Amino acid sequence: MAHIRFASHLKQFFPKLCALEIDAATVAEVLRKLETIHPGLSSYLVDEHGAMRKHV
């Protein structure tokens, strides 16, 4: 189970963001599920090569 919290500045782009728990075995699975819940969010979390951004 992953406990996810978001930086407040992301709310200007994704107003419905809130802390949540995601049942996932890997970070990649968490990212896929987050993208399903909040389309477009993954571009703020991973770069064009699929690597996690430094601020994540």
PDB file of N, CA and C in Angstrom:
ATOM      1  N   MET A   1       0.862  -1.175   0.000  1.00  0.00           N
ATOM      2  CA  MET A   1       0.000   0.000   0.000  1.00  0.00           C
ATOM      3  C   MET A   1       0.905   1.233   0.000  1.00  0.00           C
ATOM      4  N   ALA A   2       0.676   2.119  -0.936  1.00  0.00           N
ATOM      5  CA  ALA A   2       1.436   3.363  -1.023  1.00  0.00           C
ATOM      6  C   ALA A   2       0.583   4.513  -0.495  1.00  0.00           C
ATOM      7  N   HIS A   3       1.179   5.340   0.337  1.00  0.00           N
ATOM      8  CA  HIS A   3       0.523   6.537   0.862  1.00  0.00           C
ATOM      9  C   HIS A   3       1.042   7.710   0.037  1.00  0.00           C
ATOM     10  N   ILE A   4       0.166   8.374  -0.689  1.00  0.00           N
ATOM     11  CA  ILE A   4       0.553   9.424  -1.627  1.00  0.00           C
ATOM     12  C   ILE A   4       0.099  10.783  -1.111  1.00  0.00           C
ATOM     13  N   ARG A   5       1.043  11.727  -1.094  1.00  0.00           N
ATOM     14  CA  ARG A   5       0.728  13.127  -0.786  1.00  0.00           C
ATOM     15  C   ARG A   5       1.297  13.970  -1.913  1.00  0.00           C
ATOM     16  N   PHE A   6       0.641  15.072  -2.202  1.00  0.00           N
ATOM     17  CA  PHE A   6       1.041  15.925  -3.314  1.00  0.00           C
ATOM     18  C   PHE A   6       1.442  17.309  -2.823  1.00  0.00           C
ATOM     19  N   ALA A   7       2.416  17.904  -3.513  1.00  0.00           N
ATOM     20  CA  ALA A   7       2.799  19.286  -3.224  1.00  0.00           C
ATOM     21  C   ALA A   7       1.625  20.197  -3.583  1.00  0.00           C
ATOM     22  N   SER A   8       1.429  21.216  -2.785  1.00  0.00           N
ATOM     23  CA  SER A   8       0.262  22.092  -2.968  1.00  0.00           C
ATOM     24  C   SER A   8       0.257  22.807  -4.321  1.00  0.00           C
ATOM     25  N   HIS A   9       1.432  23.078  -4.901  1.00  0.00           N
ATOM     26  CA  HIS A   9       1.445  23.797  -6.180  1.00  0.00           C
ATOM     27  C   HIS A   9       0.825  22.987  -7.318  1.00  0.00           C
ATOM     28  N   LEU A  10       0.747  21.669  -7.195  1.00  0.00           N
ATOM     29  CA  LEU A  10       0.119  20.861  -8.239  1.00  0.00           C
ATOM     30  C   LEU A  10      -1.392  21.056  -8.299  1.00  0.00           C
ATOM     31  N   LYS A  11      -1.973  21.558  -7.219  1.00  0.00           N
ATOM     32  CA  LYS A  11      -3.427  21.751  -7.195  1.00  0.00           C
ATOM     33  C   LYS A  11      -3.891  22.804  -8.200  1.00  0.00           C
ATOM     34  N   GLN A  12      -3.005  23.692  -8.630  1.00  0.00           N
ATOM     35  CA  GLN A  12      -3.414  24.656  -9.644  1.00  0.00           C
ATOM     36  C   GLN A  12      -3.658  23.966 -10.986  1.00  0.00           C
ATOM     37  N   PHE A  13      -3.006  22.829 -11.211  1.00  0.00           N
ATOM     38  CA  PHE A  13      -3.191  22.067 -12.443  1.00  0.00           C
ATOM     39  C   PHE A  13      -4.185  20.915 -12.271  1.00  0.00           C
ATOM     40  N   PHE A  14      -4.246  20.385 -11.051  1.00  0.00           N
ATOM     41  CA  PHE A  14      -5.120  19.248 -10.733  1.00  0.00           C
ATOM     42  C   PHE A  14      -5.876  19.573  -9.452  1.00  0.00           C
ATOM     43  N   PRO A  15      -6.939  20.360  -9.537  1.00  0.00           N
ATOM     44  CA  PRO A  15      -7.645  20.856  -8.351  1.00  0.00           C
ATOM     45  C   PRO A  15      -8.221  19.765  -7.446  1.00  0.00           C
ATOM     46  N   LYS A  16      -8.453  18.581  -7.966  1.00  0.00           N
ATOM     47  CA  LYS A  16      -9.049  17.513  -7.160  1.00  0.00           C
ATOM     48  C   LYS A  16      -8.020  16.640  -6.448  1.00  0.00           C
ATOM     49  N   LEU A  17      -6.740  17.012  -6.525  1.00  0.00           N
ATOM     50  CA  LEU A  17      -5.708  16.225  -5.845  1.00  0.00           C
ATOM     51  C   LEU A  17      -5.926  16.236  -4.343  1.00  0.00           C
ATOM     52  N   CYS A  18      -5.747  15.090  -3.737  1.00  0.00           N
ATOM     53  CA  CYS A  18      -5.782  14.978  -2.285  1.00  0.00           C
ATOM     54  C   CYS A  18      -4.934  13.770  -1.905  1.00  0.00           C
ATOM     55  N   ALA A  19      -4.540  13.696  -0.660  1.00  0.00           N
ATOM     56  CA  ALA A  19      -3.774  12.548  -0.192  1.00  0.00           C
ATOM     57  C   ALA A  19      -4.611  11.292  -0.381  1.00  0.00           C
ATOM     58  N   LEU A  20      -3.951  10.205  -0.764  1.00  0.00           N
ATOM     59  CA  LEU A  20      -4.671   8.962  -0.968  1.00  0.00           C
ATOM     60  C   LEU A  20      -3.762   7.768  -0.764  1.00  0.00           C
ATOM     61  N   GLU A  21      -4.356   6.605  -0.686  1.00  0.00           N
ATOM     62  CA  GLU A  21      -3.621   5.352  -0.583  1.00  0.00           C
ATOM     63  C   GLU A  21      -3.907   4.546  -1.839  1.00  0.00           C
ATOM     64  N   ILE A  22      -2.851   3.954  -2.383  1.00  0.00           N
ATOM     65  CA  ILE A  22      -2.995   3.150  -3.592  1.00  0.00           C
ATOM     66  C   ILE A  22      -2.405   1.777  -3.322  1.00  0.00           C
ATOM     67  N   ASP A  23      -3.173   0.753  -3.632  1.00  0.00           N
ATOM     68  CA  ASP A  23      -2.705  -0.615  -3.481  1.00  0.00           C
ATOM     69  C   ASP A  23      -1.905  -0.972  -4.725  1.00  0.00           C
ATOM     70  N   ALA A  24      -0.590  -1.066  -4.576  1.00  0.00           N
ATOM     71  CA  ALA A  24       0.286  -1.368  -5.700  1.00  0.00           C
ATOM     72  C   ALA A  24       1.558  -2.019  -5.174  1.00  0.00           C
ATOM     73  N   ALA A  25       2.151  -2.877  -5.987  1.00  0.00           N
ATOM     74  CA  ALA A  25       3.358  -3.594  -5.587  1.00  0.00           C
ATOM     75  C   ALA A  25       4.636  -2.852  -5.971  1.00  0.00           C
ATOM     76  N   THR A  26       4.557  -1.969  -6.967  1.00  0.00           N
ATOM     77  CA  THR A  26       5.743  -1.262  -7.437  1.00  0.00           C
ATOM     78  C   THR A  26       5.443   0.222  -7.629  1.00  0.00           C
ATOM     79  N   VAL A  27       6.501   1.009  -7.716  1.00  0.00           N
ATOM     80  CA  VAL A  27       6.342   2.439  -7.992  1.00  0.00           C
ATOM     81  C   VAL A  27       5.725   2.629  -9.377  1.00  0.00           C
ATOM     82  N   ALA A  28       6.140   1.822 -10.334  1.00  0.00           N
ATOM     83  CA  ALA A  28       5.578   1.922 -11.686  1.00  0.00           C
ATOM     84  C   ALA A  28       4.071   1.696 -11.669  1.00  0.00           C
ATOM     85  N   GLU A  29       3.622   0.753 -10.868  1.00  0.00           N
ATOM     86  CA  GLU A  29       2.188   0.486 -10.766  1.00  0.00           C
ATOM     87  C   GLU A  29       1.461   1.660 -10.110  1.00  0.00           C
ATOM     88  N   VAL A  30       2.078   2.264  -9.110  1.00  0.00           N
ATOM     89  CA  VAL A  30       1.496   3.460  -8.476  1.00  0.00           C
ATOM     90  C   VAL A  30       1.336   4.556  -9.516  1.00  0.00           C
ATOM     91  N   LEU A  31       2.376   4.790 -10.311  1.00  0.00           N
ATOM     92  CA  LEU A  31       2.325   5.841 -11.329  1.00  0.00           C
ATOM     93  C   LEU A  31       1.237   5.577 -12.360  1.00  0.00           C
ATOM     94  N   ARG A  32       1.090   4.331 -12.783  1.00  0.00           N
ATOM     95  CA  ARG A  32       0.031   3.993 -13.746  1.00  0.00           C
ATOM     96  C   ARG A  32      -1.347   4.265 -13.153  1.00  0.00           C
ATOM     97  N   LYS A  33      -1.536   3.889 -11.902  1.00  0.00           N
ATOM     98  CA  LYS A  33      -2.838   4.106 -11.263  1.00  0.00           C
ATOM     99  C   LYS A  33      -3.110   5.592 -11.050  1.00  0.00           C
ATOM    100  N   LEU A  34      -2.075   6.352 -10.682  1.00  0.00           N
ATOM    101  CA  LEU A  34      -2.251   7.798 -10.526  1.00  0.00           C
ATOM    102  C   LEU A  34      -2.644   8.445 -11.847  1.00  0.00           C
ATOM    103  N   GLU A  35      -2.044   7.997 -12.934  1.00  0.00           N
ATOM    104  CA  GLU A  35      -2.366   8.552 -14.252  1.00  0.00           C
ATOM    105  C   GLU A  35      -3.811   8.242 -14.628  1.00  0.00           C
ATOM    106  N   THR A  36      -4.309   7.095 -14.216  1.00  0.00           N
ATOM    107  CA  THR A  36      -5.706   6.740 -14.475  1.00  0.00           C
ATOM    108  C   THR A  36      -6.648   7.646 -13.689  1.00  0.00           C
ATOM    109  N   ILE A  37      -6.280   7.921 -12.437  1.00  0.00           N
ATOM    110  CA  ILE A  37      -7.117   8.758 -11.570  1.00  0.00           C
ATOM    111  C   ILE A  37      -7.049  10.224 -11.990  1.00  0.00           C
ATOM    112  N   HIS A  38      -5.827  10.692 -12.307  1.00  0.00           N
ATOM    113  CA  HIS A  38      -5.590  12.101 -12.669  1.00  0.00           C
ATOM    114  C   HIS A  38      -4.828  12.153 -14.000  1.00  0.00           C
ATOM    115  N   PRO A  39      -5.533  12.040 -15.131  1.00  0.00           N
ATOM    116  CA  PRO A  39      -4.862  12.064 -16.434  1.00  0.00           C
ATOM    117  C   PRO A  39      -3.973  13.299 -16.597  1.00  0.00           C
ATOM    118  N   GLY A  40      -2.736  13.059 -17.065  1.00  0.00           N
ATOM    119  CA  GLY A  40      -1.776  14.137 -17.269  1.00  0.00           C
ATOM    120  C   GLY A  40      -0.801  14.305 -16.125  1.00  0.00           C
ATOM    121  N   LEU A  41      -1.103  13.741 -14.977  1.00  0.00           N
ATOM    122  CA  LEU A  41      -0.249  13.904 -13.799  1.00  0.00           C
ATOM    123  C   LEU A  41       1.134  13.292 -13.999  1.00  0.00           C
ATOM    124  N   SER A  42       1.215  12.202 -14.725  1.00  0.00           N
ATOM    125  CA  SER A  42       2.501  11.513 -14.867  1.00  0.00           C
ATOM    126  C   SER A  42       3.564  12.391 -15.515  1.00  0.00           C
ATOM    127  N   SER A  43       3.174  13.329 -16.364  1.00  0.00           N
ATOM    128  CA  SER A  43       4.174  14.202 -16.994  1.00  0.00           C
ATOM    129  C   SER A  43       4.867  15.104 -15.973  1.00  0.00           C
ATOM    130  N   TYR A  44       4.248  15.312 -14.822  1.00  0.00           N
ATOM    131  CA  TYR A  44       4.873  16.079 -13.744  1.00  0.00           C
ATOM    132  C   TYR A  44       5.739  15.195 -12.854  1.00  0.00           C
ATOM    133  N   LEU A  45       5.571  13.882 -12.969  1.00  0.00           N
ATOM    134  CA  LEU A  45       6.274  12.953 -12.089  1.00  0.00           C
ATOM    135  C   LEU A  45       7.441  12.244 -12.759  1.00  0.00           C
ATOM    136  N   VAL A  46       7.327  11.979 -14.060  1.00  0.00           N
ATOM    137  CA  VAL A  46       8.401  11.300 -14.792  1.00  0.00           C
ATOM    138  C   VAL A  46       8.778  12.110 -16.024  1.00  0.00           C
ATOM    139  N   ASP A  47      10.034  11.952 -16.461  1.00  0.00           N
ATOM    140  CA  ASP A  47      10.494  12.694 -17.638  1.00  0.00           C
ATOM    141  C   ASP A  47      10.155  11.929 -18.917  1.00  0.00           C
ATOM    142  N   GLU A  48      10.622  12.461 -20.048  1.00  0.00           N
ATOM    143  CA  GLU A  48      10.300  11.873 -21.348  1.00  0.00           C
ATOM    144  C   GLU A  48      10.913  10.494 -21.556  1.00  0.00           C
ATOM    145  N   HIS A  49      11.868  10.106 -20.694  1.00  0.00           N
ATOM    146  CA  HIS A  49      12.496   8.787 -20.770  1.00  0.00           C
ATOM    147  C   HIS A  49      11.879   7.808 -19.774  1.00  0.00           C
ATOM    148  N   GLY A  50      10.905   8.270 -19.020  1.00  0.00           N
ATOM    149  CA  GLY A  50      10.253   7.418 -18.035  1.00  0.00           C
ATOM    150  C   GLY A  50      10.938   7.396 -16.682  1.00  0.00           C
ATOM    151  N   ALA A  51      11.960   8.231 -16.504  1.00  0.00           N
ATOM    152  CA  ALA A  51      12.674   8.302 -15.225  1.00  0.00           C
ATOM    153  C   ALA A  51      11.968   9.284 -14.290  1.00  0.00           C
ATOM    154  N   MET A  52      11.982   8.968 -13.007  1.00  0.00           N
ATOM    155  CA  MET A  52      11.372   9.861 -12.021  1.00  0.00           C
ATOM    156  C   MET A  52      12.083  11.206 -12.046  1.00  0.00           C
ATOM    157  N   ARG A  53      11.312  12.264 -11.988  1.00  0.00           N
ATOM    158  CA  ARG A  53      11.898  13.602 -11.908  1.00  0.00           C
ATOM    159  C   ARG A  53      12.528  13.782 -10.526  1.00  0.00           C
ATOM    160  N   LYS A  54      13.535  14.619 -10.432  1.00  0.00           N
ATOM    161  CA  LYS A  54      14.293  14.787  -9.186  1.00  0.00           C
ATOM    162  C   LYS A  54      13.442  15.285  -8.032  1.00  0.00           C
ATOM    163  N   HIS A  55      12.402  16.056  -8.308  1.00  0.00           N
ATOM    164  CA  HIS A  55      11.584  16.624  -7.233  1.00  0.00           C
ATOM    165  C   HIS A  55      10.563  15.637  -6.672  1.00  0.00           C
ATOM    166  N   VAL A  56      10.451  14.465  -7.272  1.00  0.00           N
ATOM    167  CA  VAL A  56       9.449  13.479  -6.823  1.00  0.00           C
ATOM    168  C   VAL A  56      10.015  12.645  -5.689  1.00  0.00           C
TER     169      VAL A  56
END
